[in-house]
Amino acid sequence: MAKKVKNKIGRPKKGQVQINRNLVLDVAWDTIQNVGFSEFRLSTVAETLGIRTPSLYNHITDTEDIFREMKIRALRLLGDNLGEVLKQNQVRSKRISNFLQTYRRFAKEYPHLYPLVISSTEFDPELKRFGDRILQLCLDAFHFVNLDKETVHKIRIIRSFVHGFIDLEREGGFGRKESVDESFQKLTESLETGKLW
């Protein structure tokens, strides 16, 4: 549970936290990370901030407003992480492997927020720019020159492999003793070479 923010009605005193939209969204982000979307309640955010639930509507429109902002934040964070790993790795094999490992690590570190980065952003102009950034990073990682028909198919295959692996791992689908990390490494190697095994 996020730490409560003390806030009383009226003008904030010196040193007292001023509640604003960003603070509400920060608390929502922390709350969702802790309990997930299914258990998320505006009343929890309000309680953490030390205000009544109706007061939240001074800063947000509704729950959908919060979820949309969470999607933007999740896409931005994933894009930042993937962009950083590409800056640090110039060798082709290292770039692809570390790129995919970073993607998997994001899913592990943000299990409740990871689903937000999966759905298409194609039909929402504001979200699309964040989705396009991740798409461009993927093109760079795999050294795809153009986003032509063939490349779209390749990226869909890559996403299916990686997300399928992540989903199975999240759901406890790998029960045998062999190393899951080693299996993922083999998956990255197969995507680097274009050969499954």
N, C-alpha and C. Protein backbone atom coordinates (compact mmCIF):
# COMPACT_ATOMS: atom_id res chain seq x y z
N MET A 1 0.85 -1.19 0.00
CA MET A 1 0.00 0.00 0.00
C MET A 1 0.89 1.24 0.00
N ALA A 2 0.55 2.23 -0.82
CA ALA A 2 1.33 3.46 -0.88
C ALA A 2 1.20 4.23 0.43
N LYS A 3 2.23 4.98 0.75
CA LYS A 3 2.23 5.77 1.98
C LYS A 3 1.21 6.89 1.89
N LYS A 4 0.52 7.12 3.00
CA LYS A 4 -0.50 8.18 3.04
C LYS A 4 0.13 9.55 2.92
N VAL A 5 -0.53 10.42 2.21
CA VAL A 5 -0.10 11.82 2.11
C VAL A 5 -1.03 12.64 2.97
N LYS A 6 -0.46 13.35 3.93
CA LYS A 6 -1.29 14.18 4.80
C LYS A 6 -1.75 15.42 4.07
N ASN A 7 -3.04 15.64 4.10
CA ASN A 7 -3.60 16.80 3.43
C ASN A 7 -4.91 17.20 4.11
N LYS A 8 -4.98 18.41 4.53
CA LYS A 8 -6.20 18.89 5.18
C LYS A 8 -6.94 19.84 4.26
N ILE A 9 -8.24 20.01 4.54
CA ILE A 9 -9.06 20.91 3.73
C ILE A 9 -8.56 22.33 3.91
N GLY A 10 -8.62 23.08 2.82
CA GLY A 10 -8.18 24.47 2.89
C GLY A 10 -6.82 24.64 2.25
N ARG A 11 -6.24 25.78 2.44
CA ARG A 11 -4.96 26.10 1.84
C ARG A 11 -3.85 25.27 2.49
N PRO A 12 -2.96 24.64 1.67
CA PRO A 12 -1.91 23.82 2.27
C PRO A 12 -0.92 24.68 3.08
N LYS A 13 -0.50 24.15 4.22
CA LYS A 13 0.47 24.85 5.06
C LYS A 13 1.85 24.65 4.48
N LYS A 14 2.79 25.45 4.97
CA LYS A 14 4.17 25.35 4.50
C LYS A 14 4.69 23.94 4.74
N GLY A 15 5.28 23.33 3.70
CA GLY A 15 5.82 21.99 3.84
C GLY A 15 4.80 20.89 3.60
N GLN A 16 3.54 21.25 3.48
CA GLN A 16 2.48 20.26 3.25
C GLN A 16 2.38 19.95 1.76
N VAL A 17 2.13 18.70 1.44
CA VAL A 17 2.08 18.28 0.04
C VAL A 17 0.84 18.86 -0.65
N GLN A 18 1.07 19.46 -1.82
CA GLN A 18 -0.04 20.00 -2.62
C GLN A 18 -0.52 18.91 -3.57
N ILE A 19 -1.77 18.53 -3.44
CA ILE A 19 -2.31 17.49 -4.30
C ILE A 19 -2.61 18.06 -5.68
N ASN A 20 -2.12 17.37 -6.71
CA ASN A 20 -2.37 17.77 -8.09
C ASN A 20 -2.54 16.51 -8.94
N ARG A 21 -2.78 16.67 -10.21
CA ARG A 21 -3.03 15.53 -11.10
C ARG A 21 -1.87 14.54 -11.09
N ASN A 22 -0.65 15.05 -11.18
CA ASN A 22 0.50 14.15 -11.23
C ASN A 22 0.63 13.32 -9.97
N LEU A 23 0.36 13.92 -8.82
CA LEU A 23 0.44 13.19 -7.57
C LEU A 23 -0.64 12.10 -7.52
N VAL A 24 -1.84 12.43 -7.97
CA VAL A 24 -2.92 11.44 -8.02
C VAL A 24 -2.51 10.27 -8.91
N LEU A 25 -1.93 10.58 -10.06
CA LEU A 25 -1.51 9.54 -11.00
C LEU A 25 -0.35 8.72 -10.44
N ASP A 26 0.56 9.37 -9.72
CA ASP A 26 1.67 8.65 -9.07
C ASP A 26 1.14 7.64 -8.07
N VAL A 27 0.17 8.06 -7.27
CA VAL A 27 -0.41 7.16 -6.27
C VAL A 27 -1.18 6.03 -6.96
N ALA A 28 -1.89 6.36 -8.04
CA ALA A 28 -2.61 5.33 -8.80
C ALA A 28 -1.63 4.30 -9.37
N TRP A 29 -0.51 4.78 -9.90
CA TRP A 29 0.54 3.89 -10.45
C TRP A 29 1.04 2.93 -9.38
N ASP A 30 1.37 3.46 -8.20
CA ASP A 30 1.85 2.62 -7.10
C ASP A 30 0.78 1.63 -6.65
N THR A 31 -0.46 2.10 -6.58
CA THR A 31 -1.55 1.24 -6.13
C THR A 31 -1.78 0.09 -7.10
N ILE A 32 -1.78 0.40 -8.39
CA ILE A 32 -2.00 -0.64 -9.41
C ILE A 32 -0.85 -1.65 -9.39
N GLN A 33 0.36 -1.16 -9.19
CA GLN A 33 1.49 -2.08 -9.10
C GLN A 33 1.33 -3.04 -7.93
N ASN A 34 0.74 -2.56 -6.86
CA ASN A 34 0.58 -3.39 -5.66
C ASN A 34 -0.60 -4.36 -5.76
N VAL A 35 -1.73 -3.89 -6.28
CA VAL A 35 -2.96 -4.71 -6.22
C VAL A 35 -3.49 -5.14 -7.58
N GLY A 36 -3.03 -4.53 -8.65
CA GLY A 36 -3.53 -4.85 -9.97
C GLY A 36 -4.79 -4.07 -10.33
N PHE A 37 -5.20 -4.16 -11.59
CA PHE A 37 -6.35 -3.39 -12.06
C PHE A 37 -7.67 -3.91 -11.49
N SER A 38 -7.77 -5.22 -11.32
CA SER A 38 -9.05 -5.78 -10.87
C SER A 38 -9.39 -5.34 -9.45
N GLU A 39 -8.37 -5.06 -8.65
CA GLU A 39 -8.60 -4.65 -7.25
C GLU A 39 -8.45 -3.14 -7.05
N PHE A 40 -8.17 -2.44 -8.13
CA PHE A 40 -7.93 -0.99 -8.02
C PHE A 40 -9.24 -0.26 -7.73
N ARG A 41 -9.18 0.66 -6.74
CA ARG A 41 -10.34 1.47 -6.37
C ARG A 41 -9.89 2.92 -6.20
N LEU A 42 -10.71 3.83 -6.69
CA LEU A 42 -10.43 5.25 -6.49
C LEU A 42 -10.41 5.58 -5.00
N SER A 43 -11.21 4.90 -4.22
CA SER A 43 -11.26 5.16 -2.79
C SER A 43 -9.90 4.89 -2.12
N THR A 44 -9.15 3.92 -2.66
CA THR A 44 -7.82 3.62 -2.12
C THR A 44 -6.87 4.78 -2.40
N VAL A 45 -6.95 5.33 -3.60
CA VAL A 45 -6.12 6.49 -3.95
C VAL A 45 -6.46 7.66 -3.05
N ALA A 46 -7.74 7.92 -2.87
CA ALA A 46 -8.19 9.03 -2.02
C ALA A 46 -7.71 8.84 -0.59
N GLU A 47 -7.83 7.63 -0.08
CA GLU A 47 -7.41 7.35 1.30
C GLU A 47 -5.91 7.57 1.46
N THR A 48 -5.14 7.13 0.48
CA THR A 48 -3.69 7.33 0.52
C THR A 48 -3.33 8.81 0.54
N LEU A 49 -4.11 9.60 -0.21
CA LEU A 49 -3.86 11.04 -0.28
C LEU A 49 -4.46 11.80 0.90
N GLY A 50 -5.29 11.11 1.68
CA GLY A 50 -5.92 11.76 2.84
C GLY A 50 -7.04 12.69 2.46
N ILE A 51 -7.74 12.36 1.38
CA ILE A 51 -8.87 13.19 0.94
C ILE A 51 -10.07 12.28 0.69
N ARG A 52 -11.24 12.88 0.46
CA ARG A 52 -12.43 12.12 0.12
C ARG A 52 -12.41 11.78 -1.37
N THR A 53 -13.01 10.66 -1.72
CA THR A 53 -13.00 10.20 -3.12
C THR A 53 -13.53 11.25 -4.10
N PRO A 54 -14.64 11.97 -3.80
CA PRO A 54 -15.12 12.98 -4.76
C PRO A 54 -14.08 14.06 -5.07
N SER A 55 -13.17 14.31 -4.14
CA SER A 55 -12.15 15.34 -4.36
C SER A 55 -11.17 14.97 -5.47
N LEU A 56 -11.08 13.67 -5.76
CA LEU A 56 -10.19 13.24 -6.84
C LEU A 56 -10.62 13.81 -8.19
N TYR A 57 -11.94 14.07 -8.32
CA TYR A 57 -12.46 14.53 -9.60
C TYR A 57 -12.08 15.98 -9.90
N ASN A 58 -11.39 16.61 -8.97
CA ASN A 58 -10.78 17.92 -9.26
C ASN A 58 -9.54 17.73 -10.14
N HIS A 59 -9.03 16.49 -10.20
CA HIS A 59 -7.75 16.23 -10.87
C HIS A 59 -7.85 15.19 -11.99
N ILE A 60 -8.87 14.35 -11.95
CA ILE A 60 -9.05 13.32 -12.98
C ILE A 60 -10.50 13.32 -13.45
N THR A 61 -10.75 12.69 -14.59
CA THR A 61 -12.12 12.61 -15.10
C THR A 61 -12.86 11.41 -14.51
N ASP A 62 -12.21 10.25 -14.59
CA ASP A 62 -12.81 9.02 -14.08
C ASP A 62 -11.73 7.94 -14.06
N THR A 63 -12.14 6.71 -13.79
CA THR A 63 -11.18 5.60 -13.74
C THR A 63 -10.54 5.37 -15.10
N GLU A 64 -11.30 5.53 -16.18
CA GLU A 64 -10.76 5.35 -17.52
C GLU A 64 -9.64 6.35 -17.80
N ASP A 65 -9.80 7.56 -17.29
CA ASP A 65 -8.77 8.58 -17.42
C ASP A 65 -7.48 8.10 -16.78
N ILE A 66 -7.59 7.52 -15.60
CA ILE A 66 -6.41 6.99 -14.90
C ILE A 66 -5.79 5.85 -15.70
N PHE A 67 -6.61 4.93 -16.18
CA PHE A 67 -6.08 3.77 -16.90
C PHE A 67 -5.37 4.21 -18.18
N ARG A 68 -5.92 5.22 -18.84
CA ARG A 68 -5.27 5.73 -20.06
C ARG A 68 -3.90 6.32 -19.73
N GLU A 69 -3.85 7.09 -18.66
CA GLU A 69 -2.57 7.68 -18.24
C GLU A 69 -1.58 6.61 -17.82
N MET A 70 -2.07 5.54 -17.20
CA MET A 70 -1.19 4.43 -16.82
C MET A 70 -0.60 3.77 -18.06
N LYS A 71 -1.40 3.66 -19.11
CA LYS A 71 -0.92 3.08 -20.37
C LYS A 71 0.17 3.95 -20.98
N ILE A 72 -0.04 5.26 -20.96
CA ILE A 72 0.98 6.18 -21.48
C ILE A 72 2.27 6.04 -20.70
N ARG A 73 2.15 6.01 -19.38
CA ARG A 73 3.35 5.89 -18.53
C ARG A 73 4.07 4.56 -18.77
N ALA A 74 3.29 3.48 -18.89
CA ALA A 74 3.89 2.16 -19.10
C ALA A 74 4.61 2.11 -20.45
N LEU A 75 3.98 2.64 -21.50
CA LEU A 75 4.61 2.67 -22.82
C LEU A 75 5.87 3.53 -22.81
N ARG A 76 5.79 4.66 -22.13
CA ARG A 76 6.96 5.55 -22.06
C ARG A 76 8.12 4.88 -21.32
N LEU A 77 7.80 4.23 -20.20
CA LEU A 77 8.83 3.57 -19.41
C LEU A 77 9.46 2.42 -20.17
N LEU A 78 8.65 1.60 -20.83
CA LEU A 78 9.20 0.51 -21.62
C LEU A 78 10.07 1.06 -22.74
N GLY A 79 9.60 2.11 -23.42
CA GLY A 79 10.39 2.73 -24.48
C GLY A 79 11.72 3.27 -23.97
N ASP A 80 11.71 3.90 -22.80
CA ASP A 80 12.95 4.41 -22.20
C ASP A 80 13.92 3.27 -21.91
N ASN A 81 13.40 2.18 -21.35
CA ASN A 81 14.25 1.03 -21.01
C ASN A 81 14.86 0.39 -22.27
N LEU A 82 14.03 0.22 -23.29
CA LEU A 82 14.52 -0.39 -24.53
C LEU A 82 15.49 0.53 -25.25
N GLY A 83 15.20 1.83 -25.24
CA GLY A 83 16.10 2.79 -25.87
C GLY A 83 17.46 2.82 -25.20
N GLU A 84 17.47 2.73 -23.88
CA GLU A 84 18.73 2.77 -23.13
C GLU A 84 19.58 1.55 -23.44
N VAL A 85 18.97 0.39 -23.52
CA VAL A 85 19.74 -0.83 -23.77
C VAL A 85 20.32 -0.84 -25.19
N LEU A 86 19.63 -0.23 -26.14
CA LEU A 86 20.17 -0.15 -27.49
C LEU A 86 21.36 0.81 -27.57
N LYS A 87 21.32 1.87 -26.78
CA LYS A 87 22.45 2.81 -26.73
C LYS A 87 23.71 2.12 -26.23
N GLN A 88 23.51 1.21 -25.28
CA GLN A 88 24.66 0.57 -24.62
C GLN A 88 25.21 -0.62 -25.40
N ASN A 89 24.46 -1.15 -26.36
CA ASN A 89 24.88 -2.35 -27.08
C ASN A 89 24.88 -2.10 -28.58
N GLN A 90 26.07 -2.13 -29.15
CA GLN A 90 26.20 -1.88 -30.58
C GLN A 90 26.35 -3.15 -31.40
N VAL A 91 26.86 -4.25 -30.78
CA VAL A 91 27.03 -5.51 -31.50
C VAL A 91 25.66 -6.13 -31.74
N ARG A 92 25.43 -6.59 -32.97
CA ARG A 92 24.09 -7.06 -33.37
C ARG A 92 23.52 -8.10 -32.42
N SER A 93 24.30 -9.18 -32.13
CA SER A 93 23.78 -10.25 -31.29
C SER A 93 23.47 -9.76 -29.88
N LYS A 94 24.32 -8.91 -29.35
CA LYS A 94 24.10 -8.36 -28.01
C LYS A 94 22.87 -7.47 -28.00
N ARG A 95 22.69 -6.68 -29.05
CA ARG A 95 21.55 -5.76 -29.12
C ARG A 95 20.24 -6.53 -29.05
N ILE A 96 20.12 -7.56 -29.86
CA ILE A 96 18.87 -8.31 -29.91
C ILE A 96 18.62 -9.02 -28.60
N SER A 97 19.64 -9.72 -28.10
CA SER A 97 19.48 -10.46 -26.85
C SER A 97 19.12 -9.54 -25.69
N ASN A 98 19.86 -8.46 -25.54
CA ASN A 98 19.62 -7.53 -24.43
C ASN A 98 18.29 -6.78 -24.59
N PHE A 99 17.93 -6.51 -25.82
CA PHE A 99 16.65 -5.86 -26.10
C PHE A 99 15.50 -6.75 -25.60
N LEU A 100 15.54 -8.02 -25.96
CA LEU A 100 14.49 -8.95 -25.57
C LEU A 100 14.52 -9.25 -24.07
N GLN A 101 15.72 -9.32 -23.50
CA GLN A 101 15.84 -9.53 -22.06
C GLN A 101 15.25 -8.34 -21.30
N THR A 102 15.45 -7.15 -21.82
CA THR A 102 14.90 -5.94 -21.19
C THR A 102 13.39 -5.96 -21.24
N TYR A 103 12.85 -6.39 -22.37
CA TYR A 103 11.40 -6.49 -22.52
C TYR A 103 10.83 -7.48 -21.49
N ARG A 104 11.48 -8.63 -21.38
CA ARG A 104 11.03 -9.65 -20.42
C ARG A 104 11.15 -9.14 -18.98
N ARG A 105 12.23 -8.43 -18.69
CA ARG A 105 12.43 -7.89 -17.34
C ARG A 105 11.34 -6.88 -16.99
N PHE A 106 10.94 -6.07 -17.96
CA PHE A 106 9.86 -5.11 -17.73
C PHE A 106 8.58 -5.86 -17.32
N ALA A 107 8.28 -6.94 -18.03
CA ALA A 107 7.08 -7.73 -17.72
C ALA A 107 7.14 -8.31 -16.32
N LYS A 108 8.35 -8.66 -15.87
CA LYS A 108 8.51 -9.23 -14.53
C LYS A 108 8.42 -8.16 -13.45
N GLU A 109 9.01 -7.00 -13.72
CA GLU A 109 9.04 -5.93 -12.72
C GLU A 109 7.69 -5.22 -12.59
N TYR A 110 6.92 -5.20 -13.67
CA TYR A 110 5.63 -4.50 -13.67
C TYR A 110 4.53 -5.46 -14.14
N PRO A 111 4.28 -6.54 -13.41
CA PRO A 111 3.33 -7.56 -13.87
C PRO A 111 1.92 -7.05 -14.07
N HIS A 112 1.49 -6.07 -13.26
CA HIS A 112 0.12 -5.56 -13.40
C HIS A 112 0.02 -4.50 -14.50
N LEU A 113 1.15 -3.90 -14.85
CA LEU A 113 1.14 -2.83 -15.85
C LEU A 113 1.57 -3.33 -17.24
N TYR A 114 2.25 -4.47 -17.26
CA TYR A 114 2.72 -5.03 -18.53
C TYR A 114 1.59 -5.21 -19.56
N PRO A 115 0.41 -5.70 -19.15
CA PRO A 115 -0.66 -5.88 -20.15
C PRO A 115 -1.01 -4.60 -20.92
N LEU A 116 -0.70 -3.44 -20.34
CA LEU A 116 -1.02 -2.17 -21.00
C LEU A 116 -0.19 -1.93 -22.25
N VAL A 117 0.99 -2.55 -22.34
CA VAL A 117 1.87 -2.28 -23.48
C VAL A 117 1.63 -3.26 -24.63
N ILE A 118 0.70 -4.19 -24.45
CA ILE A 118 0.48 -5.23 -25.46
C ILE A 118 -0.54 -4.81 -26.51
N SER A 119 -1.63 -4.18 -26.07
CA SER A 119 -2.69 -3.84 -27.02
C SER A 119 -2.23 -2.78 -28.02
N SER A 120 -2.84 -2.80 -29.19
CA SER A 120 -2.45 -1.89 -30.27
C SER A 120 -2.73 -0.42 -29.89
N THR A 121 -1.84 0.44 -30.33
CA THR A 121 -2.02 1.89 -30.14
C THR A 121 -2.35 2.57 -31.47
N GLU A 122 -2.57 1.77 -32.49
CA GLU A 122 -2.68 2.27 -33.86
C GLU A 122 -3.82 3.27 -34.07
N PHE A 123 -4.89 3.14 -33.31
CA PHE A 123 -6.08 3.95 -33.59
C PHE A 123 -6.28 5.11 -32.61
N ASP A 124 -5.27 5.40 -31.81
CA ASP A 124 -5.33 6.51 -30.86
C ASP A 124 -4.11 7.39 -31.09
N PRO A 125 -4.28 8.57 -31.67
CA PRO A 125 -3.13 9.41 -32.04
C PRO A 125 -2.16 9.69 -30.90
N GLU A 126 -2.67 9.93 -29.70
CA GLU A 126 -1.77 10.23 -28.58
C GLU A 126 -0.98 9.00 -28.16
N LEU A 127 -1.64 7.87 -28.08
CA LEU A 127 -0.96 6.64 -27.69
C LEU A 127 -0.05 6.14 -28.80
N LYS A 128 -0.43 6.41 -30.05
CA LYS A 128 0.30 5.89 -31.21
C LYS A 128 1.76 6.33 -31.21
N ARG A 129 2.01 7.55 -30.78
CA ARG A 129 3.41 8.01 -30.82
C ARG A 129 4.29 7.23 -29.86
N PHE A 130 3.71 6.77 -28.75
CA PHE A 130 4.48 5.95 -27.81
C PHE A 130 4.65 4.54 -28.37
N GLY A 131 3.60 4.02 -28.99
CA GLY A 131 3.69 2.71 -29.62
C GLY A 131 4.66 2.73 -30.80
N ASP A 132 4.63 3.81 -31.58
CA ASP A 132 5.53 3.93 -32.73
C ASP A 132 6.99 4.01 -32.30
N ARG A 133 7.22 4.63 -31.15
CA ARG A 133 8.59 4.71 -30.64
C ARG A 133 9.13 3.31 -30.34
N ILE A 134 8.30 2.47 -29.68
CA ILE A 134 8.72 1.11 -29.37
C ILE A 134 8.90 0.30 -30.64
N LEU A 135 8.01 0.51 -31.61
CA LEU A 135 8.13 -0.16 -32.90
C LEU A 135 9.45 0.21 -33.58
N GLN A 136 9.80 1.49 -33.56
CA GLN A 136 11.05 1.93 -34.18
C GLN A 136 12.27 1.33 -33.48
N LEU A 137 12.20 1.23 -32.16
CA LEU A 137 13.29 0.61 -31.41
C LEU A 137 13.44 -0.86 -31.78
N CYS A 138 12.32 -1.52 -32.01
CA CYS A 138 12.34 -2.92 -32.45
C CYS A 138 12.99 -3.03 -33.83
N LEU A 139 12.62 -2.13 -34.73
CA LEU A 139 13.23 -2.10 -36.06
C LEU A 139 14.74 -1.91 -35.95
N ASP A 140 15.16 -1.01 -35.07
CA ASP A 140 16.59 -0.74 -34.88
C ASP A 140 17.31 -1.96 -34.32
N ALA A 141 16.69 -2.60 -33.31
CA ALA A 141 17.32 -3.75 -32.66
C ALA A 141 17.57 -4.88 -33.65
N PHE A 142 16.59 -5.13 -34.51
CA PHE A 142 16.69 -6.24 -35.46
C PHE A 142 17.26 -5.81 -36.82
N HIS A 143 17.64 -4.55 -36.93
CA HIS A 143 18.21 -4.01 -38.17
C HIS A 143 17.26 -4.18 -39.36
N PHE A 144 15.98 -3.97 -39.09
CA PHE A 144 15.01 -3.95 -40.18
C PHE A 144 15.02 -2.55 -40.79
N VAL A 145 15.16 -2.48 -42.09
CA VAL A 145 15.32 -1.18 -42.75
C VAL A 145 13.99 -0.45 -42.90
N ASN A 146 12.98 -1.14 -43.43
CA ASN A 146 11.68 -0.50 -43.68
C ASN A 146 10.56 -1.28 -43.00
N LEU A 147 9.49 -0.57 -42.69
CA LEU A 147 8.31 -1.24 -42.14
C LEU A 147 7.41 -1.64 -43.30
N ASP A 148 7.90 -2.58 -44.10
CA ASP A 148 7.09 -3.07 -45.22
C ASP A 148 6.28 -4.29 -44.76
N LYS A 149 5.54 -4.85 -45.68
CA LYS A 149 4.65 -5.97 -45.36
C LYS A 149 5.42 -7.13 -44.71
N GLU A 150 6.58 -7.47 -45.26
CA GLU A 150 7.36 -8.60 -44.74
C GLU A 150 7.86 -8.32 -43.32
N THR A 151 8.26 -7.08 -43.08
CA THR A 151 8.76 -6.71 -41.75
C THR A 151 7.64 -6.76 -40.71
N VAL A 152 6.44 -6.33 -41.10
CA VAL A 152 5.30 -6.40 -40.19
C VAL A 152 5.07 -7.85 -39.76
N HIS A 153 5.14 -8.78 -40.71
CA HIS A 153 4.97 -10.20 -40.38
C HIS A 153 6.06 -10.66 -39.41
N LYS A 154 7.29 -10.25 -39.67
CA LYS A 154 8.41 -10.65 -38.81
C LYS A 154 8.24 -10.12 -37.39
N ILE A 155 7.83 -8.86 -37.27
CA ILE A 155 7.65 -8.27 -35.94
C ILE A 155 6.51 -8.97 -35.20
N ARG A 156 5.45 -9.31 -35.92
CA ARG A 156 4.34 -10.04 -35.28
C ARG A 156 4.81 -11.40 -34.76
N ILE A 157 5.66 -12.06 -35.52
CA ILE A 157 6.20 -13.35 -35.09
C ILE A 157 7.07 -13.18 -33.86
N ILE A 158 7.92 -12.16 -33.87
CA ILE A 158 8.79 -11.89 -32.72
C ILE A 158 7.95 -11.62 -31.48
N ARG A 159 6.95 -10.75 -31.62
CA ARG A 159 6.08 -10.42 -30.47
C ARG A 159 5.36 -11.66 -29.96
N SER A 160 4.91 -12.50 -30.87
CA SER A 160 4.19 -13.71 -30.48
C SER A 160 5.09 -14.65 -29.70
N PHE A 161 6.32 -14.83 -30.18
CA PHE A 161 7.28 -15.67 -29.47
C PHE A 161 7.54 -15.13 -28.06
N VAL A 162 7.90 -13.85 -28.00
CA VAL A 162 8.32 -13.26 -26.73
C VAL A 162 7.16 -13.16 -25.75
N HIS A 163 6.01 -12.66 -26.22
CA HIS A 163 4.87 -12.53 -25.32
C HIS A 163 4.36 -13.91 -24.89
N GLY A 164 4.36 -14.86 -25.80
CA GLY A 164 3.95 -16.21 -25.44
C GLY A 164 4.81 -16.79 -24.34
N PHE A 165 6.11 -16.57 -24.45
CA PHE A 165 7.05 -17.05 -23.42
C PHE A 165 6.77 -16.36 -22.09
N ILE A 166 6.63 -15.03 -22.15
CA ILE A 166 6.37 -14.26 -20.93
C ILE A 166 5.07 -14.70 -20.27
N ASP A 167 4.04 -14.91 -21.08
CA ASP A 167 2.74 -15.30 -20.55
C ASP A 167 2.80 -16.68 -19.89
N LEU A 168 3.46 -17.62 -20.53
CA LEU A 168 3.63 -18.95 -19.94
C LEU A 168 4.41 -18.88 -18.63
N GLU A 169 5.44 -18.05 -18.63
CA GLU A 169 6.25 -17.91 -17.42
C GLU A 169 5.44 -17.29 -16.29
N ARG A 170 4.66 -16.26 -16.61
CA ARG A 170 3.82 -15.60 -15.60
C ARG A 170 2.79 -16.54 -15.00
N GLU A 171 2.28 -17.43 -15.82
CA GLU A 171 1.21 -18.34 -15.38
C GLU A 171 1.76 -19.65 -14.81
N GLY A 172 3.08 -19.72 -14.63
CA GLY A 172 3.67 -20.93 -14.06
C GLY A 172 3.65 -22.10 -15.01
N GLY A 173 3.75 -21.83 -16.30
CA GLY A 173 3.65 -22.89 -17.31
C GLY A 173 4.91 -23.69 -17.53
N PHE A 174 6.03 -23.26 -16.93
CA PHE A 174 7.28 -23.99 -17.10
C PHE A 174 7.60 -24.73 -15.79
N GLY A 175 7.18 -25.98 -15.72
CA GLY A 175 7.31 -26.71 -14.45
C GLY A 175 8.54 -27.59 -14.34
N ARG A 176 9.19 -27.88 -15.43
CA ARG A 176 10.33 -28.78 -15.37
C ARG A 176 11.56 -28.07 -14.83
N LYS A 177 12.58 -28.86 -14.43
CA LYS A 177 13.74 -28.31 -13.71
C LYS A 177 14.70 -27.51 -14.60
N GLU A 178 14.64 -27.73 -15.91
CA GLU A 178 15.57 -27.02 -16.80
C GLU A 178 15.40 -25.51 -16.66
N SER A 179 16.51 -24.79 -16.78
CA SER A 179 16.52 -23.34 -16.57
C SER A 179 15.61 -22.60 -17.55
N VAL A 180 14.70 -21.81 -17.00
CA VAL A 180 13.82 -20.98 -17.83
C VAL A 180 14.63 -19.88 -18.50
N ASP A 181 15.61 -19.33 -17.78
CA ASP A 181 16.47 -18.29 -18.35
C ASP A 181 17.23 -18.83 -19.57
N GLU A 182 17.68 -20.07 -19.46
CA GLU A 182 18.40 -20.68 -20.58
C GLU A 182 17.46 -20.87 -21.77
N SER A 183 16.23 -21.26 -21.49
CA SER A 183 15.25 -21.40 -22.57
C SER A 183 15.02 -20.08 -23.27
N PHE A 184 14.91 -18.99 -22.49
CA PHE A 184 14.68 -17.68 -23.09
C PHE A 184 15.90 -17.26 -23.91
N GLN A 185 17.10 -17.59 -23.43
CA GLN A 185 18.30 -17.27 -24.17
C GLN A 185 18.31 -17.99 -25.51
N LYS A 186 17.85 -19.23 -25.51
CA LYS A 186 17.78 -19.98 -26.77
C LYS A 186 16.74 -19.35 -27.71
N LEU A 187 15.66 -18.84 -27.13
CA LEU A 187 14.65 -18.16 -27.94
C LEU A 187 15.27 -16.92 -28.60
N THR A 188 16.03 -16.14 -27.84
CA THR A 188 16.65 -14.93 -28.41
C THR A 188 17.65 -15.31 -29.49
N GLU A 189 18.37 -16.40 -29.28
CA GLU A 189 19.35 -16.84 -30.28
C GLU A 189 18.65 -17.26 -31.57
N SER A 190 17.49 -17.92 -31.42
CA SER A 190 16.76 -18.36 -32.61
C SER A 190 16.22 -17.17 -33.39
N LEU A 191 15.82 -16.11 -32.67
CA LEU A 191 15.34 -14.91 -33.35
C LEU A 191 16.49 -14.14 -33.99
N GLU A 192 17.68 -14.23 -33.41
CA GLU A 192 18.84 -13.58 -34.00
C GLU A 192 19.24 -14.24 -35.31
N THR A 193 19.22 -15.58 -35.32
CA THR A 193 19.69 -16.33 -36.48
C THR A 193 18.59 -16.60 -37.51
N GLY A 194 17.33 -16.51 -37.07
CA GLY A 194 16.23 -16.85 -37.96
C GLY A 194 15.97 -18.33 -38.03
N LYS A 195 16.65 -19.10 -37.16
CA LYS A 195 16.45 -20.56 -37.10
C LYS A 195 15.94 -20.93 -35.72
N LEU A 196 14.86 -21.73 -35.68
CA LEU A 196 14.27 -22.08 -34.41
C LEU A 196 15.20 -22.96 -33.59
N TRP A 197 15.87 -23.93 -34.20
CA TRP A 197 16.90 -24.74 -33.54
C TRP A 197 17.77 -25.40 -34.59
